[in-house]
Structures are given as structure tokens and as C-alpha cells.
Amino acid sequence: MGFLQNLIALPGPETVQSVSFPGLGLEFDLNRVAIIILGRPIYWYGIIIVSGLILAVILCSRWGKRFGITEDNIIDMMLFAVPAALVAIRAYYVIFNLSYFQNADGSMNWGKVLNYGDGGLAIYGAIISSAIVLLIFCKVKRLSFLAFADLGVHGLFIGQLIGRWGNFMNVEAFGSATALPWRMCGPTIAQYMAYNGYVDEAGYEAILSGSLGVHPTFFYESAWNLAGLFMVYFMGKKRRFDGQCFLFYVFWYGLGRAWIEGLRTDSLYLYVGSTIRVSQLLAALSALAAGIVLLWALRATRKVPMELFVDRRAAQTARAGAQEESVSQLGEEEPISSVPAGEEEEKTPDETEKREE
């Protein structure tokens, strides 16, 4: 029994945070640690992220046929994309928050850099790295990048709408002060807002009492991605060209992130002292560019849709099947008789009598 207690243990109250939504009558005691194994905490954030990834892979494997992508293609690609994303999702955050990861002498504190448990992760790093890996993978495997990307954005929507609830468990990624009915309150939220100068002493007390709170921006983004998933799912069934779902994702996600990021209090800025949020700028520019290209492409294919990769692949499979059937039929033809024309095989008397009968 003692061995099991040393192997697996439940987290203590020191990692519990109270969160409430007074306007909705909801209150939660959230422990960011799910379980402790061999003395190391396993966070709900990681469990939720992995759960979203697994669900994304399962559903994309079911939907892949509509894009000409097989389950094996998806699994093979993920073997390269996931490790790259784990590096990029941290690297993006570190690059735009470099001073936090430097020692007093300016050198890098690699212990801090590699400490993924501090919550410093940026989804744009994973999106960029996944696009690069997919481009290389499709080139090697001779697949359509745009068709695969159309399928892949379904997985991104799923992963992001689920993954944002990891921020809820950590009580992070919330927005500025608000008195809206769905405001989010709590002691750690009040302390953060006061410490970073977003509210004064009166505001601090108001958040503690529940008369003031913050925007639950994690929920805004989760709901925005859920709506995007529904739209891109039905769009994928009737798309006019490969890349249509991908362009829609860039437009929709960028549009949502541009306004949601403006509400957040933990944004990464372009440089120290800047008022320009990195993610907000990138989201706005990408949404604008994708929206223009999407509208142009939809107009260009209004009367004559482009040939999709899934149709080309189906035609190739049909031709290959027809060739195999043709070869099979040739092999099944009756052999030509070796007896010269006009001659008959010599028959025994018994065979002759049977013929006459």
C-alpha cells in the first residue's frame, strides 16, 4: 500500500483555485493538477490537450475519404507533426517573451525554457510548424497539400475548442475587467489584475465580492472554434476547390482571434514597451489575406468548380482496377486446342459407343 502511495498520489489543496460566475450562479474549485505520479504532477492542461489531439485524429481519420486522404496518411504525418509542434509551441512563446527566459547576465535560462509546466505555450507556433511539416510530407508522399490541409483544419478546430478548457483549469487566458452577466471572478484573478495594474484597490475588492469580474476569453475562443468546426464540416462536403476549407480556417480563426486577443491581459507584445499584440496583428493580417483569396477563388470557380484531389485519386484507382481486371480476363481465356484443323483425336471404341448412344 505504501508503494502505491509513493507511486500515485492525489494533489493537495495548495494547487486549488476558486472560480465563480456570479451572474450565472456557478462556482468551481479547480485543481490544476490531476494526479501525481512518481512525485511529478500531471496537469489537467496536458490531459485536455492530448484528449483534443486524440479526438481530432479519430474524427479526421473518419472524414479523410472525402478529401482523398487515408488513415495511414494521417498517422504517418502525425508522427512528424506532433514532435515539431511540441517544440514550436514553446519556441514561439519564448521568442516573443525573451526577457523572461534570460538570466541577469543576458544568457538564456534553459531550465525556464524547457519548463513546459509554467503554461507558456502559443498555438500559432503549432499552426506554423504543422503547415511546414505538412508541406514537406505531401511533397514526399505525392499528396495534395491543399486537400490534406482542408482535412487538417478540422483537426485544428477540434483541438483548439477542447484545448482552451485547459486554460480554464489553470485559471488563465482571461480578459479585462467587465460587469457582464457571464463575468468570471476569483481570488487569484483579483490578485493578478491588481498586481499588473489592471484594477485599483476598489476594483480588487469588487472582483473578490463578485460585482466585477473578467471576460472568460478562453470560452469565447472555444465557442468561436466550435462554430467554425460546424461551418467547415459542411463546407468540406460541397467545396469547389482544394484549399477552400484551409482558407476559411485562416480567415475565421484569424477574425475571432483578432477581437478576442484585444480583450486578453496576458498577450505577447511585439517588443518590450510595445502596444502591438503579436497574435492580434498576425491574426488580423492572416484573416484579411485569407478572406481576399477565398472570395477571389469562390468567384473564379462559381460556374466551373476545379477538379478535386479526391476525384483525381478516385479516377486513378478506377483505372488501376480496370487494368487489373483486363489482365485477369486475359489469363482466364480458354487455351487454344493443339489439334490441327480437320483432324480429330483418336477415340476408343467405348467412347464412340457412348457418343452414338
Protein backbone atom coordinates (compact mmCIF):
# COMPACT_ATOMS: atom_id res chain seq x y z
CA MET A 1 0.00 0.00 0.00
CA GLY A 2 2.86 2.33 0.84
CA PHE A 3 4.45 1.57 -2.54
CA LEU A 4 1.26 2.56 -4.36
CA GLN A 5 1.04 5.80 -2.36
CA ASN A 6 4.59 6.66 -3.40
CA LEU A 7 3.80 5.73 -6.99
CA ILE A 8 0.47 7.54 -7.38
CA ALA A 9 -0.94 10.29 -5.19
CA LEU A 10 -3.74 12.84 -5.38
CA PRO A 11 -2.85 16.54 -5.45
CA GLY A 12 -3.17 18.66 -2.33
CA PRO A 13 -5.24 21.79 -1.72
CA GLU A 14 -2.27 24.09 -2.42
CA THR A 15 -2.96 23.90 -6.18
CA VAL A 16 -6.71 24.54 -5.88
CA GLN A 17 -8.18 27.82 -7.19
CA SER A 18 -11.74 29.02 -6.67
CA VAL A 19 -13.56 30.44 -9.68
CA SER A 20 -17.12 31.72 -9.83
CA PHE A 21 -19.59 33.16 -12.32
CA PRO A 22 -21.89 35.15 -10.00
CA GLY A 23 -24.21 36.26 -12.79
CA LEU A 24 -24.82 32.62 -13.75
CA GLY A 25 -24.87 31.20 -10.22
CA LEU A 26 -21.87 28.93 -10.88
CA GLU A 27 -18.86 28.26 -8.63
CA PHE A 28 -15.94 25.85 -9.05
CA ASP A 29 -12.92 24.71 -7.05
CA LEU A 30 -10.34 23.88 -9.72
CA ASN A 31 -7.17 21.90 -9.11
CA ARG A 32 -4.75 22.38 -11.98
CA VAL A 33 -3.02 19.11 -11.03
CA ALA A 34 -4.92 15.93 -11.93
CA ILE A 35 -2.66 13.35 -10.27
CA ILE A 36 0.92 12.95 -9.03
CA ILE A 37 2.96 10.03 -10.43
CA LEU A 38 6.40 9.27 -9.01
CA GLY A 39 6.42 12.69 -7.40
CA ARG A 40 5.75 14.54 -10.65
CA PRO A 41 2.46 16.43 -11.15
CA ILE A 42 0.33 15.59 -14.18
CA TYR A 43 -1.63 18.70 -15.10
CA TRP A 44 -5.20 18.81 -16.41
CA TYR A 45 -3.91 21.19 -19.09
CA GLY A 46 -1.80 18.45 -20.65
CA ILE A 47 -4.53 15.82 -20.32
CA ILE A 48 -7.06 18.08 -22.04
CA ILE A 49 -4.64 18.98 -24.84
CA VAL A 50 -3.84 15.30 -25.51
CA SER A 51 -7.54 14.41 -25.41
CA GLY A 52 -8.27 17.06 -28.03
CA LEU A 53 -5.43 15.74 -30.19
CA ILE A 54 -6.69 12.14 -29.98
CA LEU A 55 -10.27 13.14 -30.83
CA ALA A 56 -9.02 15.23 -33.76
CA VAL A 57 -7.07 12.27 -35.18
CA ILE A 58 -10.02 9.88 -34.75
CA LEU A 59 -12.54 12.17 -36.45
CA CYS A 60 -10.17 13.23 -39.24
CA SER A 61 -9.49 9.55 -39.95
CA ARG A 62 -13.24 9.06 -40.45
CA TRP A 63 -13.62 12.15 -42.63
CA GLY A 64 -10.42 11.66 -44.66
CA LYS A 65 -12.09 9.81 -47.55
CA ARG A 66 -13.90 12.98 -48.60
CA PHE A 67 -10.51 14.59 -49.22
CA GLY A 68 -8.65 11.63 -50.75
CA ILE A 69 -6.58 11.14 -47.58
CA THR A 70 -6.25 7.73 -45.93
CA GLU A 71 -5.96 6.90 -42.25
CA ASP A 72 -2.37 5.75 -42.81
CA ASN A 73 -1.54 9.14 -44.35
CA ILE A 74 -2.85 10.86 -41.21
CA ILE A 75 -0.99 8.64 -38.76
CA ASP A 76 2.28 8.92 -40.71
CA MET A 77 2.01 12.70 -40.85
CA MET A 78 1.25 12.98 -37.13
CA LEU A 79 4.45 11.10 -36.30
CA PHE A 80 6.35 14.12 -37.63
CA ALA A 81 3.90 16.95 -36.89
CA VAL A 82 3.41 16.31 -33.16
CA PRO A 83 7.12 16.45 -32.12
CA ALA A 84 7.62 19.54 -34.28
CA ALA A 85 4.56 21.22 -32.74
CA LEU A 86 5.78 20.48 -29.20
CA VAL A 87 8.97 22.40 -29.96
CA ALA A 88 7.34 25.21 -31.96
CA ILE A 89 4.51 25.87 -29.50
CA ARG A 90 7.12 26.70 -26.85
CA ALA A 91 9.66 28.37 -29.13
CA TYR A 92 7.08 30.89 -30.38
CA TYR A 93 6.26 31.92 -26.81
CA VAL A 94 9.92 32.14 -25.77
CA ILE A 95 10.91 34.28 -28.79
CA PHE A 96 8.30 36.93 -28.06
CA ASN A 97 8.83 36.84 -24.28
CA LEU A 98 12.61 36.53 -24.34
CA SER A 99 13.47 38.70 -21.34
CA TYR A 100 11.58 36.36 -19.01
CA PHE A 101 13.85 33.46 -20.01
CA GLN A 102 17.15 35.31 -19.67
CA ASN A 103 19.47 35.41 -16.68
CA ALA A 104 20.77 38.66 -15.22
CA ASP A 105 23.87 38.49 -17.46
CA GLY A 106 21.73 38.12 -20.60
CA SER A 107 22.33 34.40 -21.09
CA MET A 108 19.43 32.00 -21.64
CA ASN A 109 17.97 30.19 -18.65
CA TRP A 110 17.37 26.83 -20.36
CA GLY A 111 15.72 25.45 -17.24
CA LYS A 112 12.94 28.01 -17.65
CA VAL A 113 12.80 27.47 -21.41
CA LEU A 114 12.24 23.73 -21.02
CA ASN A 115 9.76 24.08 -18.15
CA TYR A 116 6.53 23.48 -20.10
CA GLY A 117 4.59 23.38 -16.84
CA ASP A 118 4.57 27.19 -16.48
CA GLY A 119 1.83 27.45 -19.12
CA GLY A 120 3.86 29.49 -21.62
CA LEU A 121 2.65 27.96 -24.89
CA ALA A 122 1.50 29.66 -28.09
CA ILE A 123 -0.88 27.94 -30.52
CA TYR A 124 0.43 29.91 -33.50
CA GLY A 125 3.76 28.11 -33.14
CA ALA A 126 1.99 24.77 -33.59
CA ILE A 127 -0.03 26.03 -36.57
CA ILE A 128 3.06 27.34 -38.38
CA SER A 129 5.15 24.22 -37.71
CA SER A 130 2.29 21.90 -38.75
CA ALA A 131 1.91 23.74 -42.06
CA ILE A 132 5.64 23.38 -42.79
CA VAL A 133 5.70 19.68 -41.84
CA LEU A 134 2.59 19.00 -43.92
CA LEU A 135 4.08 20.75 -46.94
CA ILE A 136 7.21 18.57 -46.80
CA PHE A 137 5.21 15.40 -46.06
CA CYS A 138 2.87 15.92 -49.03
CA LYS A 139 5.82 16.61 -51.33
CA VAL A 140 7.48 13.33 -50.33
CA LYS A 141 4.27 11.27 -50.40
CA ARG A 142 2.96 12.93 -53.58
CA LEU A 143 -0.24 14.07 -51.93
CA SER A 144 -2.11 17.33 -52.40
CA PHE A 145 -1.06 19.80 -49.71
CA LEU A 146 -4.27 21.81 -50.09
CA ALA A 147 -6.51 18.72 -49.86
CA PHE A 148 -4.68 17.49 -46.77
CA ALA A 149 -4.82 21.00 -45.28
CA ASP A 150 -8.60 21.07 -45.88
CA LEU A 151 -8.88 17.97 -43.72
CA GLY A 152 -6.28 19.13 -41.22
CA VAL A 153 -8.11 22.33 -40.27
CA HIS A 154 -10.99 20.18 -38.99
CA GLY A 155 -8.49 18.76 -36.51
CA LEU A 156 -7.19 22.22 -35.60
CA PHE A 157 -10.69 23.45 -34.80
CA ILE A 158 -11.33 20.35 -32.64
CA GLY A 159 -8.01 20.61 -30.81
CA GLN A 160 -8.40 24.31 -30.09
CA LEU A 161 -12.02 24.24 -28.94
CA ILE A 162 -11.16 21.46 -26.46
CA GLY A 163 -7.69 22.71 -25.56
CA ARG A 164 -8.95 26.11 -24.36
CA TRP A 165 -10.59 24.36 -21.41
CA GLY A 166 -7.09 23.60 -20.20
CA ASN A 167 -6.75 27.36 -19.72
CA PHE A 168 -9.89 27.27 -17.60
CA MET A 169 -8.39 24.60 -15.34
CA ASN A 170 -5.27 26.77 -14.96
CA VAL A 171 -7.41 29.91 -14.44
CA GLU A 172 -5.55 31.78 -17.18
CA ALA A 173 -6.10 33.31 -20.61
CA PHE A 174 -8.87 35.53 -19.29
CA GLY A 175 -9.67 39.07 -20.37
CA SER A 176 -10.04 42.56 -18.99
CA ALA A 177 -12.47 43.67 -16.29
CA THR A 178 -16.19 43.53 -17.04
CA ALA A 179 -19.54 43.55 -15.26
CA LEU A 180 -21.29 41.38 -17.85
CA PRO A 181 -23.56 38.58 -16.52
CA TRP A 182 -21.07 35.89 -17.53
CA ARG A 183 -18.11 37.62 -15.80
CA MET A 184 -15.55 35.32 -14.19
CA CYS A 185 -14.31 36.03 -10.64
CA GLY A 186 -11.92 34.55 -8.11
CA PRO A 187 -9.16 35.41 -5.59
CA THR A 188 -6.27 34.58 -7.95
CA ILE A 189 -7.94 36.59 -10.73
CA ALA A 190 -8.29 39.59 -8.39
CA GLN A 191 -4.65 39.30 -7.33
CA TYR A 192 -3.43 39.10 -10.95
CA MET A 193 -5.50 42.08 -12.07
CA ALA A 194 -4.33 44.23 -9.14
CA TYR A 195 -0.67 43.19 -9.35
CA ASN A 196 -0.49 44.02 -13.08
CA GLY A 197 -2.27 47.36 -12.67
CA TYR A 198 -5.49 46.48 -14.50
CA VAL A 199 -7.63 47.43 -11.47
CA ASP A 200 -7.15 49.58 -8.38
CA GLU A 201 -7.91 48.64 -4.77
CA ALA A 202 -11.63 49.20 -5.30
CA GLY A 203 -11.56 47.01 -8.42
CA TYR A 204 -9.69 44.32 -6.49
CA GLU A 205 -12.38 44.26 -3.83
CA ALA A 206 -15.11 44.28 -6.47
CA ILE A 207 -13.68 41.16 -8.13
CA LEU A 208 -13.46 39.43 -4.75
CA SER A 209 -17.09 40.30 -3.99
CA GLY A 210 -18.26 39.25 -7.46
CA SER A 211 -19.71 42.61 -8.53
CA LEU A 212 -16.88 42.87 -11.06
CA GLY A 213 -15.11 40.15 -12.99
CA VAL A 214 -13.15 39.45 -16.17
CA HIS A 215 -14.03 38.29 -19.66
CA PRO A 216 -13.78 34.44 -19.91
CA THR A 217 -11.89 34.73 -23.18
CA PHE A 218 -10.96 31.03 -23.10
CA PHE A 219 -14.69 30.31 -23.52
CA TYR A 220 -15.10 32.91 -26.26
CA GLU A 221 -12.39 31.23 -28.32
CA SER A 222 -13.68 27.72 -27.63
CA ALA A 223 -17.19 28.69 -28.76
CA TRP A 224 -15.80 30.53 -31.81
CA ASN A 225 -13.87 27.42 -32.86
CA LEU A 226 -16.93 25.21 -32.33
CA ALA A 227 -18.92 27.40 -34.71
CA GLY A 228 -16.03 27.27 -37.17
CA LEU A 229 -15.93 23.47 -36.98
CA PHE A 230 -19.60 23.17 -37.91
CA MET A 231 -19.19 25.54 -40.85
CA VAL A 232 -16.03 23.95 -42.21
CA TYR A 233 -17.51 20.45 -41.86
CA PHE A 234 -20.44 21.24 -44.15
CA MET A 235 -18.23 23.32 -46.43
CA GLY A 236 -15.95 20.31 -46.87
CA LYS A 237 -18.81 18.31 -48.39
CA LYS A 238 -19.50 20.88 -51.11
CA ARG A 239 -16.19 22.61 -51.63
CA ARG A 240 -15.37 23.88 -55.11
CA PHE A 241 -11.61 23.64 -54.91
CA ASP A 242 -8.85 22.13 -52.78
CA GLY A 243 -7.78 24.65 -50.17
CA GLN A 244 -11.23 26.16 -49.62
CA CYS A 245 -11.56 24.81 -46.06
CA PHE A 246 -7.99 25.81 -45.29
CA LEU A 247 -8.56 29.40 -46.42
CA PHE A 248 -11.80 29.55 -44.45
CA TYR A 249 -10.00 28.35 -41.31
CA VAL A 250 -7.30 31.00 -41.61
CA PHE A 251 -9.98 33.66 -42.16
CA TRP A 252 -12.37 32.51 -39.41
CA TYR A 253 -9.76 31.77 -36.75
CA GLY A 254 -7.88 34.98 -37.51
CA LEU A 255 -11.06 37.03 -37.37
CA GLY A 256 -12.00 35.61 -33.98
CA ARG A 257 -8.53 35.78 -32.52
CA ALA A 258 -8.14 39.41 -33.61
CA TRP A 259 -11.00 40.63 -31.40
CA ILE A 260 -10.59 38.10 -28.58
CA GLU A 261 -6.88 38.84 -28.22
CA GLY A 262 -7.76 42.51 -27.76
CA LEU A 263 -9.61 41.58 -24.56
CA ARG A 264 -6.86 39.45 -23.02
CA THR A 265 -4.48 40.63 -20.30
CA ASP A 266 -1.66 38.12 -20.94
CA SER A 267 -0.85 38.86 -24.57
CA LEU A 268 2.63 38.66 -26.08
CA TYR A 269 3.78 42.03 -27.42
CA LEU A 270 5.96 42.72 -30.45
CA TYR A 271 8.79 44.01 -28.26
CA VAL A 272 9.26 45.33 -24.72
CA GLY A 273 7.26 48.52 -24.29
CA SER A 274 5.22 47.95 -27.46
CA THR A 275 1.44 48.27 -27.50
CA ILE A 276 1.11 45.95 -30.50
CA ARG A 277 -0.02 42.44 -29.62
CA VAL A 278 1.80 39.83 -31.73
CA SER A 279 -1.10 37.39 -32.01
CA GLN A 280 -3.64 40.12 -32.71
CA LEU A 281 -1.53 41.60 -35.51
CA LEU A 282 -0.82 38.19 -37.05
CA ALA A 283 -4.50 37.20 -36.76
CA ALA A 284 -5.76 40.37 -38.40
CA LEU A 285 -3.30 40.22 -41.31
CA SER A 286 -3.88 36.50 -41.94
CA ALA A 287 -7.68 36.91 -41.79
CA LEU A 288 -7.55 39.78 -44.28
CA ALA A 289 -5.28 37.93 -46.71
CA ALA A 290 -7.21 34.64 -46.49
CA GLY A 291 -10.55 36.43 -46.87
CA ILE A 292 -9.44 38.18 -50.06
CA VAL A 293 -8.05 34.99 -51.62
CA LEU A 294 -11.12 32.97 -50.59
CA LEU A 295 -13.56 35.44 -52.15
CA TRP A 296 -11.49 35.59 -55.35
CA ALA A 297 -11.30 31.79 -55.61
CA LEU A 298 -15.03 31.32 -54.94
CA ARG A 299 -15.85 33.84 -57.64
CA ALA A 300 -13.45 32.21 -60.11
CA THR A 301 -14.98 28.76 -59.55
CA ARG A 302 -18.61 29.89 -59.35
CA LYS A 303 -19.58 28.33 -62.69
CA VAL A 304 -16.91 25.69 -63.13
CA PRO A 305 -15.58 24.06 -59.91
CA MET A 306 -11.96 22.91 -60.06
CA GLU A 307 -11.14 19.20 -60.12
CA LEU A 308 -10.57 18.00 -56.57
CA PHE A 309 -7.69 15.78 -55.47
CA VAL A 310 -10.15 13.17 -54.17
CA ASP A 311 -11.70 12.92 -57.65
CA ARG A 312 -8.31 12.57 -59.33
CA ARG A 313 -7.32 9.87 -56.88
CA ALA A 314 -10.62 8.02 -57.40
CA ALA A 315 -10.08 8.14 -61.18
CA GLN A 316 -6.56 6.75 -60.78
CA THR A 317 -7.87 3.93 -58.59
CA ALA A 318 -10.60 3.14 -61.12
CA ARG A 319 -8.08 3.00 -63.99
CA ALA A 320 -5.79 0.75 -62.00
CA GLY A 321 -8.72 -1.53 -61.16
CA ALA A 322 -9.76 -1.69 -64.82
CA GLN A 323 -6.22 -2.64 -65.87
CA GLU A 324 -6.06 -5.40 -63.27
CA GLU A 325 -9.44 -6.75 -64.40
CA SER A 326 -8.32 -6.71 -68.03
CA VAL A 327 -5.16 -8.65 -67.19
CA SER A 328 -7.20 -11.11 -65.14
CA GLN A 329 -9.63 -11.73 -68.01
CA LEU A 330 -6.79 -12.41 -70.44
CA GLY A 331 -5.41 -15.00 -68.04
CA GLU A 332 -8.79 -16.76 -67.82
CA GLU A 333 -9.35 -17.23 -71.62
CA GLU A 334 -9.73 -20.87 -72.85
CA PRO A 335 -6.49 -22.37 -74.17
CA ILE A 336 -6.31 -22.89 -77.95
CA SER A 337 -6.54 -26.58 -79.00
CA SER A 338 -3.28 -28.16 -80.07
CA VAL A 339 -5.01 -30.50 -82.53
CA PRO A 340 -4.61 -29.33 -86.18
CA ALA A 341 -7.74 -28.24 -88.00
CA GLY A 342 -9.56 -31.08 -89.80
CA GLU A 343 -8.11 -33.71 -87.52
CA GLU A 344 -9.83 -35.30 -84.58
CA GLU A 345 -8.35 -37.07 -81.64
CA GLU A 346 -8.46 -40.84 -81.92
CA LYS A 347 -11.28 -42.15 -79.77
CA THR A 348 -11.53 -45.53 -78.16
CA PRO A 349 -14.41 -47.90 -79.14
CA ASP A 350 -16.08 -47.27 -75.75
CA GLU A 351 -16.11 -43.52 -76.29
CA THR A 352 -17.55 -43.97 -79.81
CA GLU A 353 -20.38 -46.15 -78.49
CA LYS A 354 -21.22 -43.56 -75.81
CA ARG A 355 -21.34 -40.77 -78.41
CA GLU A 356 -23.68 -42.86 -80.65
CA GLU A 357 -25.96 -43.65 -77.74
